[in-house]
Amino acid sequence: MTKPRIIWITGASSGIGEALALRWSAADTLLILSDRNLTQVELVADQCRNKGAEVLVVPFDLTRADEIAMAVEKVRSVTTHLSILANVGGISQRSLILDTPSEVARKIMETDFWGHADLTRLILPHMIKNGGGSIVVLSSFSGLFGFPQRSYYCAAKHALHGFFETLMLEHHRDKIRVTMVCPGRVKTNISYHALTSTGKEYGKMDIGQENGVSASYCAAKIDKAVKRHRKLVIIGKKEVIMPFLKRFAPRLFFLIATRIDPNA
């Protein structure tokens, strides 16, 4: 008998997390949706239920280790296995290194790296015990190269690659599969909520973001990559050339990167 799909998505209240929740909604699926914005994630949960999925909302803050631990215990207590863990939640940045105080830097690192690393480490024994599963990690082009006004965001995304690639190597015999997702510009509200040097939200939609691929398009690409057990997927429009330039033509990459408006 085929196991029902059980999928845990963080950052499920909007953007790519919401799009994944809607795409993976089906009658044979239990969706566990997490976010710190309980009101918004409940609205997403209702949409998923209307599409036939069973939904459990488990809210928590990625910067709170105690909340992460309690969320893991709840998920372990109500699930027989976990088919997919999608680490999607995060926060971006719009500030220069010299202007960014340590408290802002640490909040970005806690949200974008430590929260996902701790959550995965704690739920991993449950996945291994019950036959393995897939882990989706939302990185970014910023996980592949540096970019102005994204210093700690880039650092967090680079750290995700090191951590989850190591996890994949250590646990491939346990049937743990990892898909690193590196989107370019996706039309979501991530720039609105990006932190400035004061710790306040940027509050604007970047032009490039406005013209990026849709969150639903991104979710479809992620779904396909997970089904094919892809280890890395790069998503975007013409900007997808940048990771390849960084690798194969670094001088040209740096020439272009220094001329791009980081807020465009």
C-alpha atoms as a PDB file:
ATOM      1  CA  MET A   1       0.000   0.000   0.000  1.00  0.00           C
ATOM      2  CA  THR A   2       1.379   3.404  -0.986  1.00  0.00           C
ATOM      3  CA  LYS A   3       2.038   5.792   1.889  1.00  0.00           C
ATOM      4  CA  PRO A   4       0.060   9.048   1.812  1.00  0.00           C
ATOM      5  CA  ARG A   5       2.244  12.061   1.152  1.00  0.00           C
ATOM      6  CA  ILE A   6       3.089  14.124   4.214  1.00  0.00           C
ATOM      7  CA  ILE A   7       4.720  17.451   3.357  1.00  0.00           C
ATOM      8  CA  TRP A   8       6.015  20.092   5.776  1.00  0.00           C
ATOM      9  CA  ILE A   9       6.502  23.596   4.329  1.00  0.00           C
ATOM     10  CA  THR A  10       8.002  26.532   6.221  1.00  0.00           C
ATOM     11  CA  GLY A  11       7.399  30.085   5.015  1.00  0.00           C
ATOM     12  CA  ALA A  12       4.005  28.890   3.799  1.00  0.00           C
ATOM     13  CA  SER A  13       2.058  32.127   4.274  1.00  0.00           C
ATOM     14  CA  SER A  14       3.045  33.726   0.956  1.00  0.00           C
ATOM     15  CA  GLY A  15       5.306  33.636  -2.088  1.00  0.00           C
ATOM     16  CA  ILE A  16       7.023  30.409  -3.059  1.00  0.00           C
ATOM     17  CA  GLY A  17       5.945  28.642   0.141  1.00  0.00           C
ATOM     18  CA  GLU A  18       2.291  29.395  -0.562  1.00  0.00           C
ATOM     19  CA  ALA A  19       2.686  28.376  -4.207  1.00  0.00           C
ATOM     20  CA  LEU A  20       4.203  25.033  -3.182  1.00  0.00           C
ATOM     21  CA  ALA A  21       1.391  24.417  -0.710  1.00  0.00           C
ATOM     22  CA  LEU A  22      -1.224  25.006  -3.395  1.00  0.00           C
ATOM     23  CA  ARG A  23       0.637  22.892  -5.956  1.00  0.00           C
ATOM     24  CA  TRP A  24       1.035  19.974  -3.550  1.00  0.00           C
ATOM     25  CA  SER A  25      -2.567  20.085  -2.332  1.00  0.00           C
ATOM     26  CA  ALA A  26      -4.305  16.793  -3.105  1.00  0.00           C
ATOM     27  CA  ALA A  27      -6.735  14.362  -1.505  1.00  0.00           C
ATOM     28  CA  ASP A  28      -3.978  11.910  -0.535  1.00  0.00           C
ATOM     29  CA  THR A  29      -1.759  14.581   1.043  1.00  0.00           C
ATOM     30  CA  LEU A  30      -1.298  15.909   4.567  1.00  0.00           C
ATOM     31  CA  LEU A  31       0.204  19.378   4.402  1.00  0.00           C
ATOM     32  CA  ILE A  32       1.902  20.801   7.470  1.00  0.00           C
ATOM     33  CA  LEU A  33       2.123  24.563   6.990  1.00  0.00           C
ATOM     34  CA  SER A  34       4.387  26.700   9.134  1.00  0.00           C
ATOM     35  CA  ASP A  35       5.027  30.424   9.366  1.00  0.00           C
ATOM     36  CA  ARG A  36       5.153  33.034  12.097  1.00  0.00           C
ATOM     37  CA  ASN A  37       2.221  34.871  10.439  1.00  0.00           C
ATOM     38  CA  LEU A  38      -0.603  32.691  11.743  1.00  0.00           C
ATOM     39  CA  THR A  39      -3.426  34.742  10.205  1.00  0.00           C
ATOM     40  CA  GLN A  40      -1.993  34.583   6.697  1.00  0.00           C
ATOM     41  CA  VAL A  41      -0.954  30.933   6.853  1.00  0.00           C
ATOM     42  CA  GLU A  42      -4.491  29.984   7.966  1.00  0.00           C
ATOM     43  CA  LEU A  43      -5.818  31.634   4.796  1.00  0.00           C
ATOM     44  CA  VAL A  44      -3.429  29.519   2.727  1.00  0.00           C
ATOM     45  CA  ALA A  45      -4.504  26.433   4.684  1.00  0.00           C
ATOM     46  CA  ASP A  46      -8.142  27.075   3.784  1.00  0.00           C
ATOM     47  CA  GLN A  47      -7.245  27.266   0.077  1.00  0.00           C
ATOM     48  CA  CYS A  48      -5.381  23.967   0.347  1.00  0.00           C
ATOM     49  CA  ARG A  49      -8.312  22.291   2.096  1.00  0.00           C
ATOM     50  CA  ASN A  50     -10.578  23.469  -0.714  1.00  0.00           C
ATOM     51  CA  LYS A  51      -8.282  21.601  -3.119  1.00  0.00           C
ATOM     52  CA  GLY A  52      -8.750  18.385  -1.137  1.00  0.00           C
ATOM     53  CA  ALA A  53      -5.691  18.295   1.122  1.00  0.00           C
ATOM     54  CA  GLU A  54      -5.701  17.622   4.838  1.00  0.00           C
ATOM     55  CA  VAL A  55      -3.902  20.513   6.524  1.00  0.00           C
ATOM     56  CA  LEU A  56      -2.228  20.995   9.890  1.00  0.00           C
ATOM     57  CA  VAL A  57      -0.988  24.480  10.778  1.00  0.00           C
ATOM     58  CA  VAL A  58       2.087  24.551  13.027  1.00  0.00           C
ATOM     59  CA  PRO A  59       3.190  28.183  13.470  1.00  0.00           C
ATOM     60  CA  PHE A  60       6.659  29.071  14.746  1.00  0.00           C
ATOM     61  CA  ASP A  61       9.412  31.655  14.371  1.00  0.00           C
ATOM     62  CA  LEU A  62      12.620  30.504  12.653  1.00  0.00           C
ATOM     63  CA  THR A  63      14.673  32.696  14.983  1.00  0.00           C
ATOM     64  CA  ARG A  64      13.351  30.933  18.119  1.00  0.00           C
ATOM     65  CA  ALA A  65      15.085  27.644  18.928  1.00  0.00           C
ATOM     66  CA  ASP A  66      12.451  26.759  21.538  1.00  0.00           C
ATOM     67  CA  GLU A  67       9.606  27.225  19.056  1.00  0.00           C
ATOM     68  CA  ILE A  68      11.433  25.135  16.446  1.00  0.00           C
ATOM     69  CA  ALA A  69      11.890  22.294  18.940  1.00  0.00           C
ATOM     70  CA  MET A  70       8.210  22.376  19.939  1.00  0.00           C
ATOM     71  CA  ALA A  71       7.131  22.375  16.279  1.00  0.00           C
ATOM     72  CA  VAL A  72       9.292  19.325  15.571  1.00  0.00           C
ATOM     73  CA  GLU A  73       7.873  17.467  18.563  1.00  0.00           C
ATOM     74  CA  LYS A  74       4.331  18.187  17.401  1.00  0.00           C
ATOM     75  CA  VAL A  75       5.059  16.999  13.851  1.00  0.00           C
ATOM     76  CA  ARG A  76       6.786  13.846  15.131  1.00  0.00           C
ATOM     77  CA  SER A  77       3.794  13.084  17.361  1.00  0.00           C
ATOM     78  CA  VAL A  78       1.180  13.305  14.610  1.00  0.00           C
ATOM     79  CA  THR A  79       2.997  11.829  11.580  1.00  0.00           C
ATOM     80  CA  THR A  80       4.099   8.334  10.670  1.00  0.00           C
ATOM     81  CA  HIS A  81       6.678   9.642   8.192  1.00  0.00           C
ATOM     82  CA  LEU A  82       7.633  12.774   6.287  1.00  0.00           C
ATOM     83  CA  SER A  83       7.721  12.635   2.498  1.00  0.00           C
ATOM     84  CA  ILE A  84       9.041  16.160   1.928  1.00  0.00           C
ATOM     85  CA  LEU A  85      10.452  18.871   4.172  1.00  0.00           C
ATOM     86  CA  ALA A  86      10.502  22.182   2.298  1.00  0.00           C
ATOM     87  CA  ASN A  87      12.687  24.802   3.997  1.00  0.00           C
ATOM     88  CA  VAL A  88      11.289  27.938   2.366  1.00  0.00           C
ATOM     89  CA  GLY A  89      10.938  30.643   5.023  1.00  0.00           C
ATOM     90  CA  GLY A  90      13.397  33.508   4.968  1.00  0.00           C
ATOM     91  CA  ILE A  91      14.149  37.209   4.923  1.00  0.00           C
ATOM     92  CA  SER A  92      16.238  39.321   2.547  1.00  0.00           C
ATOM     93  CA  GLN A  93      18.491  42.354   3.028  1.00  0.00           C
ATOM     94  CA  ARG A  94      18.973  45.833   1.579  1.00  0.00           C
ATOM     95  CA  SER A  95      21.988  47.353   3.332  1.00  0.00           C
ATOM     96  CA  LEU A  96      25.738  47.820   2.892  1.00  0.00           C
ATOM     97  CA  ILE A  97      28.145  45.864   5.092  1.00  0.00           C
ATOM     98  CA  LEU A  98      29.481  48.997   6.784  1.00  0.00           C
ATOM     99  CA  ASP A  99      25.966  50.150   7.655  1.00  0.00           C
ATOM    100  CA  THR A 100      24.613  46.841   8.981  1.00  0.00           C
ATOM    101  CA  PRO A 101      24.726  46.423  12.778  1.00  0.00           C
ATOM    102  CA  SER A 102      25.299  43.003  14.296  1.00  0.00           C
ATOM    103  CA  GLU A 103      21.726  42.642  15.563  1.00  0.00           C
ATOM    104  CA  VAL A 104      20.358  42.987  12.016  1.00  0.00           C
ATOM    105  CA  ALA A 105      23.039  40.670  10.634  1.00  0.00           C
ATOM    106  CA  ARG A 106      22.297  38.034  13.255  1.00  0.00           C
ATOM    107  CA  LYS A 107      18.549  38.173  12.630  1.00  0.00           C
ATOM    108  CA  ILE A 108      19.157  37.468   8.934  1.00  0.00           C
ATOM    109  CA  MET A 109      21.521  34.587   9.717  1.00  0.00           C
ATOM    110  CA  GLU A 110      19.164  33.138  12.352  1.00  0.00           C
ATOM    111  CA  THR A 111      16.205  33.254   9.960  1.00  0.00           C
ATOM    112  CA  ASP A 112      17.882  32.172   6.741  1.00  0.00           C
ATOM    113  CA  PHE A 113      20.400  29.625   8.020  1.00  0.00           C
ATOM    114  CA  TRP A 114      20.222  28.558  11.657  1.00  0.00           C
ATOM    115  CA  GLY A 115      16.445  28.141  11.706  1.00  0.00           C
ATOM    116  CA  HIS A 116      16.490  25.735   8.765  1.00  0.00           C
ATOM    117  CA  ALA A 117      19.600  23.908   9.957  1.00  0.00           C
ATOM    118  CA  ASP A 118      18.131  23.351  13.432  1.00  0.00           C
ATOM    119  CA  LEU A 119      14.718  22.322  12.133  1.00  0.00           C
ATOM    120  CA  THR A 120      16.232  19.804   9.729  1.00  0.00           C
ATOM    121  CA  ARG A 121      18.660  18.389  12.286  1.00  0.00           C
ATOM    122  CA  LEU A 122      15.827  17.787  14.744  1.00  0.00           C
ATOM    123  CA  ILE A 123      13.380  16.191  12.270  1.00  0.00           C
ATOM    124  CA  LEU A 124      16.058  14.168  10.435  1.00  0.00           C
ATOM    125  CA  PRO A 125      15.996  11.127  12.802  1.00  0.00           C
ATOM    126  CA  HIS A 126      12.225  10.850  12.238  1.00  0.00           C
ATOM    127  CA  MET A 127      12.760  10.849   8.463  1.00  0.00           C
ATOM    128  CA  ILE A 128      15.560   8.282   8.627  1.00  0.00           C
ATOM    129  CA  LYS A 129      13.619   5.981  10.958  1.00  0.00           C
ATOM    130  CA  ASN A 130      10.663   5.972   8.584  1.00  0.00           C
ATOM    131  CA  GLY A 131      12.448   5.261   5.322  1.00  0.00           C
ATOM    132  CA  GLY A 132      13.923   8.579   4.212  1.00  0.00           C
ATOM    133  CA  GLY A 133      12.420  11.430   2.223  1.00  0.00           C
ATOM    134  CA  SER A 134      13.164  14.583   0.287  1.00  0.00           C
ATOM    135  CA  ILE A 135      14.448  17.870   1.683  1.00  0.00           C
ATOM    136  CA  VAL A 136      13.887  21.002  -0.396  1.00  0.00           C
ATOM    137  CA  VAL A 137      16.053  23.993   0.481  1.00  0.00           C
ATOM    138  CA  LEU A 138      15.218  27.422  -0.902  1.00  0.00           C
ATOM    139  CA  SER A 139      18.546  29.043  -1.604  1.00  0.00           C
ATOM    140  CA  SER A 140      18.994  31.799  -4.191  1.00  0.00           C
ATOM    141  CA  PHE A 141      21.395  33.099  -6.786  1.00  0.00           C
ATOM    142  CA  SER A 142      22.839  34.739  -3.664  1.00  0.00           C
ATOM    143  CA  GLY A 143      23.827  31.256  -2.525  1.00  0.00           C
ATOM    144  CA  LEU A 144      26.004  30.934  -5.632  1.00  0.00           C
ATOM    145  CA  PHE A 145      27.760  34.313  -5.625  1.00  0.00           C
ATOM    146  CA  GLY A 146      27.975  37.552  -3.661  1.00  0.00           C
ATOM    147  CA  PHE A 147      25.900  40.617  -4.489  1.00  0.00           C
ATOM    148  CA  PRO A 148      25.875  44.235  -3.209  1.00  0.00           C
ATOM    149  CA  GLN A 149      23.571  45.046  -0.269  1.00  0.00           C
ATOM    150  CA  ARG A 150      22.986  41.328   0.369  1.00  0.00           C
ATOM    151  CA  SER A 151      26.079  40.487   2.461  1.00  0.00           C
ATOM    152  CA  TYR A 152      24.469  38.531   5.310  1.00  0.00           C
ATOM    153  CA  TYR A 153      21.707  37.182   3.081  1.00  0.00           C
ATOM    154  CA  CYS A 154      24.412  35.816   0.779  1.00  0.00           C
ATOM    155  CA  ALA A 155      26.350  34.463   3.755  1.00  0.00           C
ATOM    156  CA  ALA A 156      23.267  32.627   5.031  1.00  0.00           C
ATOM    157  CA  LYS A 157      22.474  31.154   1.618  1.00  0.00           C
ATOM    158  CA  HIS A 158      26.101  30.069   1.093  1.00  0.00           C
ATOM    159  CA  ALA A 159      25.954  28.391   4.507  1.00  0.00           C
ATOM    160  CA  LEU A 160      22.825  26.485   3.470  1.00  0.00           C
ATOM    161  CA  HIS A 161      24.727  24.958   0.556  1.00  0.00           C
ATOM    162  CA  GLY A 162      27.591  23.804   2.778  1.00  0.00           C
ATOM    163  CA  PHE A 163      25.282  22.359   5.423  1.00  0.00           C
ATOM    164  CA  PHE A 164      22.789  20.588   3.176  1.00  0.00           C
ATOM    165  CA  GLU A 165      25.338  19.252   0.699  1.00  0.00           C
ATOM    166  CA  THR A 166      27.149  17.704   3.675  1.00  0.00           C
ATOM    167  CA  LEU A 167      23.859  16.296   4.975  1.00  0.00           C
ATOM    168  CA  MET A 168      23.184  14.770   1.568  1.00  0.00           C
ATOM    169  CA  LEU A 169      26.596  13.068   1.528  1.00  0.00           C
ATOM    170  CA  GLU A 170      26.273  11.787   5.088  1.00  0.00           C
ATOM    171  CA  HIS A 171      22.772  10.382   4.657  1.00  0.00           C
ATOM    172  CA  HIS A 172      22.374   9.254   1.051  1.00  0.00           C
ATOM    173  CA  ARG A 173      22.338   5.626   2.250  1.00  0.00           C
ATOM    174  CA  ASP A 174      19.408   6.554   4.484  1.00  0.00           C
ATOM    175  CA  LYS A 175      17.454   7.563   1.363  1.00  0.00           C
ATOM    176  CA  ILE A 176      17.572  11.234   2.278  1.00  0.00           C
ATOM    177  CA  ARG A 177      17.499  13.310  -0.902  1.00  0.00           C
ATOM    178  CA  VAL A 178      18.278  17.042  -0.991  1.00  0.00           C
ATOM    179  CA  THR A 179      17.242  19.517  -3.680  1.00  0.00           C
ATOM    180  CA  MET A 180      18.896  22.942  -3.498  1.00  0.00           C
ATOM    181  CA  VAL A 181      16.686  25.530  -5.230  1.00  0.00           C
ATOM    182  CA  CYS A 182      18.351  28.681  -6.571  1.00  0.00           C
ATOM    183  CA  PRO A 183      15.804  31.146  -7.973  1.00  0.00           C
ATOM    184  CA  GLY A 184      16.761  34.430  -9.562  1.00  0.00           C
ATOM    185  CA  ARG A 185      14.054  37.048  -9.612  1.00  0.00           C
ATOM    186  CA  VAL A 186      10.650  35.797  -8.505  1.00  0.00           C
ATOM    187  CA  LYS A 187       7.641  38.077  -8.175  1.00  0.00           C
ATOM    188  CA  THR A 188       6.999  37.834  -4.439  1.00  0.00           C
ATOM    189  CA  ASN A 189       6.967  40.296  -1.550  1.00  0.00           C
ATOM    190  CA  ILE A 190      10.496  39.397  -0.412  1.00  0.00           C
ATOM    191  CA  SER A 191      11.905  42.849  -1.176  1.00  0.00           C
ATOM    192  CA  TYR A 192       9.081  44.519   0.795  1.00  0.00           C
ATOM    193  CA  HIS A 193      10.101  42.626   3.928  1.00  0.00           C
ATOM    194  CA  ALA A 194      13.887  42.818   3.367  1.00  0.00           C
ATOM    195  CA  LEU A 195      15.735  44.345   6.311  1.00  0.00           C
ATOM    196  CA  THR A 196      17.513  47.675   5.993  1.00  0.00           C
ATOM    197  CA  SER A 197      20.415  48.815   8.198  1.00  0.00           C
ATOM    198  CA  THR A 198      17.920  50.097  10.797  1.00  0.00           C
ATOM    199  CA  GLY A 199      16.240  46.700  11.056  1.00  0.00           C
ATOM    200  CA  LYS A 200      13.082  48.083   9.474  1.00  0.00           C
ATOM    201  CA  GLU A 201      11.541  46.654   6.308  1.00  0.00           C
ATOM    202  CA  TYR A 202      12.609  47.995   2.914  1.00  0.00           C
ATOM    203  CA  GLY A 203       8.963  48.376   1.911  1.00  0.00           C
ATOM    204  CA  LYS A 204       9.429  48.493  -1.867  1.00  0.00           C
ATOM    205  CA  MET A 205       9.070  46.123  -4.789  1.00  0.00           C
ATOM    206  CA  ASP A 206      12.303  45.922  -6.794  1.00  0.00           C
ATOM    207  CA  ILE A 207      11.832  46.474 -10.520  1.00  0.00           C
ATOM    208  CA  GLY A 208      13.575  43.205 -11.310  1.00  0.00           C
ATOM    209  CA  GLN A 209      11.361  41.408  -8.811  1.00  0.00           C
ATOM    210  CA  GLU A 210       8.257  42.925 -10.382  1.00  0.00           C
ATOM    211  CA  ASN A 211       9.299  41.466 -13.754  1.00  0.00           C
ATOM    212  CA  GLY A 212      10.457  38.112 -12.385  1.00  0.00           C
ATOM    213  CA  VAL A 213       8.918  34.685 -12.858  1.00  0.00           C
ATOM    214  CA  SER A 214       5.765  33.924 -10.891  1.00  0.00           C
ATOM    215  CA  ALA A 215       5.816  31.993  -7.635  1.00  0.00           C
ATOM    216  CA  SER A 216       3.597  29.330  -9.233  1.00  0.00           C
ATOM    217  CA  TYR A 217       6.115  28.906 -12.080  1.00  0.00           C
ATOM    218  CA  CYS A 218       8.867  28.501  -9.497  1.00  0.00           C
ATOM    219  CA  ALA A 219       6.792  25.947  -7.575  1.00  0.00           C
ATOM    220  CA  ALA A 220       6.236  23.908 -10.740  1.00  0.00           C
ATOM    221  CA  LYS A 221       9.990  23.816 -11.376  1.00  0.00           C
ATOM    222  CA  ILE A 222      10.640  22.748  -7.785  1.00  0.00           C
ATOM    223  CA  ASP A 223       8.002  20.016  -8.004  1.00  0.00           C
ATOM    224  CA  LYS A 224       9.606  18.629 -11.160  1.00  0.00           C
ATOM    225  CA  ALA A 225      13.094  18.788  -9.614  1.00  0.00           C
ATOM    226  CA  VAL A 226      11.968  16.868  -6.515  1.00  0.00           C
ATOM    227  CA  LYS A 227      10.303  14.162  -8.626  1.00  0.00           C
ATOM    228  CA  ARG A 228      13.527  13.774 -10.615  1.00  0.00           C
ATOM    229  CA  HIS A 229      15.698  13.805  -7.473  1.00  0.00           C
ATOM    230  CA  ARG A 230      17.637  16.794  -8.770  1.00  0.00           C
ATOM    231  CA  LYS A 231      20.381  18.014  -6.435  1.00  0.00           C
ATOM    232  CA  LEU A 232      20.364  21.584  -7.771  1.00  0.00           C
ATOM    233  CA  VAL A 233      17.863  23.586  -9.788  1.00  0.00           C
ATOM    234  CA  ILE A 234      18.375  27.130 -11.098  1.00  0.00           C
ATOM    235  CA  ILE A 235      15.210  29.097 -11.886  1.00  0.00           C
ATOM    236  CA  GLY A 236      14.726  32.452 -13.587  1.00  0.00           C
ATOM    237  CA  LYS A 237      14.680  34.361 -16.849  1.00  0.00           C
ATOM    238  CA  LYS A 238      17.701  35.883 -18.579  1.00  0.00           C
ATOM    239  CA  GLU A 239      19.489  36.251 -15.230  1.00  0.00           C
ATOM    240  CA  VAL A 240      20.153  32.493 -15.214  1.00  0.00           C
ATOM    241  CA  ILE A 241      23.293  33.279 -17.230  1.00  0.00           C
ATOM    242  CA  MET A 242      24.928  34.812 -14.128  1.00  0.00           C
ATOM    243  CA  PRO A 243      25.755  31.571 -12.224  1.00  0.00           C
ATOM    244  CA  PHE A 244      27.316  30.156 -15.376  1.00  0.00           C
ATOM    245  CA  LEU A 245      29.360  33.319 -15.962  1.00  0.00           C
ATOM    246  CA  LYS A 246      30.552  33.177 -12.346  1.00  0.00           C
ATOM    247  CA  ARG A 247      31.819  29.652 -12.911  1.00  0.00           C
ATOM    248  CA  PHE A 248      33.121  29.771 -16.465  1.00  0.00           C
ATOM    249  CA  ALA A 249      33.838  33.475 -17.117  1.00  0.00           C
ATOM    250  CA  PRO A 250      34.499  35.061 -13.707  1.00  0.00           C
ATOM    251  CA  ARG A 251      36.091  38.238 -15.062  1.00  0.00           C
ATOM    252  CA  LEU A 252      33.015  38.957 -17.160  1.00  0.00           C
ATOM    253  CA  PHE A 253      30.788  38.102 -14.206  1.00  0.00           C
ATOM    254  CA  PHE A 254      32.494  40.635 -11.938  1.00  0.00           C
ATOM    255  CA  LEU A 255      32.372  43.277 -14.663  1.00  0.00           C
ATOM    256  CA  ILE A 256      28.599  42.824 -15.016  1.00  0.00           C
ATOM    257  CA  ALA A 257      27.890  42.397 -11.279  1.00  0.00           C
ATOM    258  CA  THR A 258      29.615  45.677 -10.367  1.00  0.00           C
ATOM    259  CA  ARG A 259      27.401  47.544 -12.839  1.00  0.00           C
ATOM    260  CA  ILE A 260      24.042  46.127 -11.734  1.00  0.00           C
ATOM    261  CA  ASP A 261      21.875  48.342  -9.553  1.00  0.00           C
ATOM    262  CA  PRO A 262      21.221  46.137  -6.467  1.00  0.00           C
ATOM    263  CA  ASN A 263      17.813  47.758  -6.016  1.00  0.00           C
ATOM    264  CA  ALA A 264      16.702  47.439  -9.645  1.00  0.00           C
END
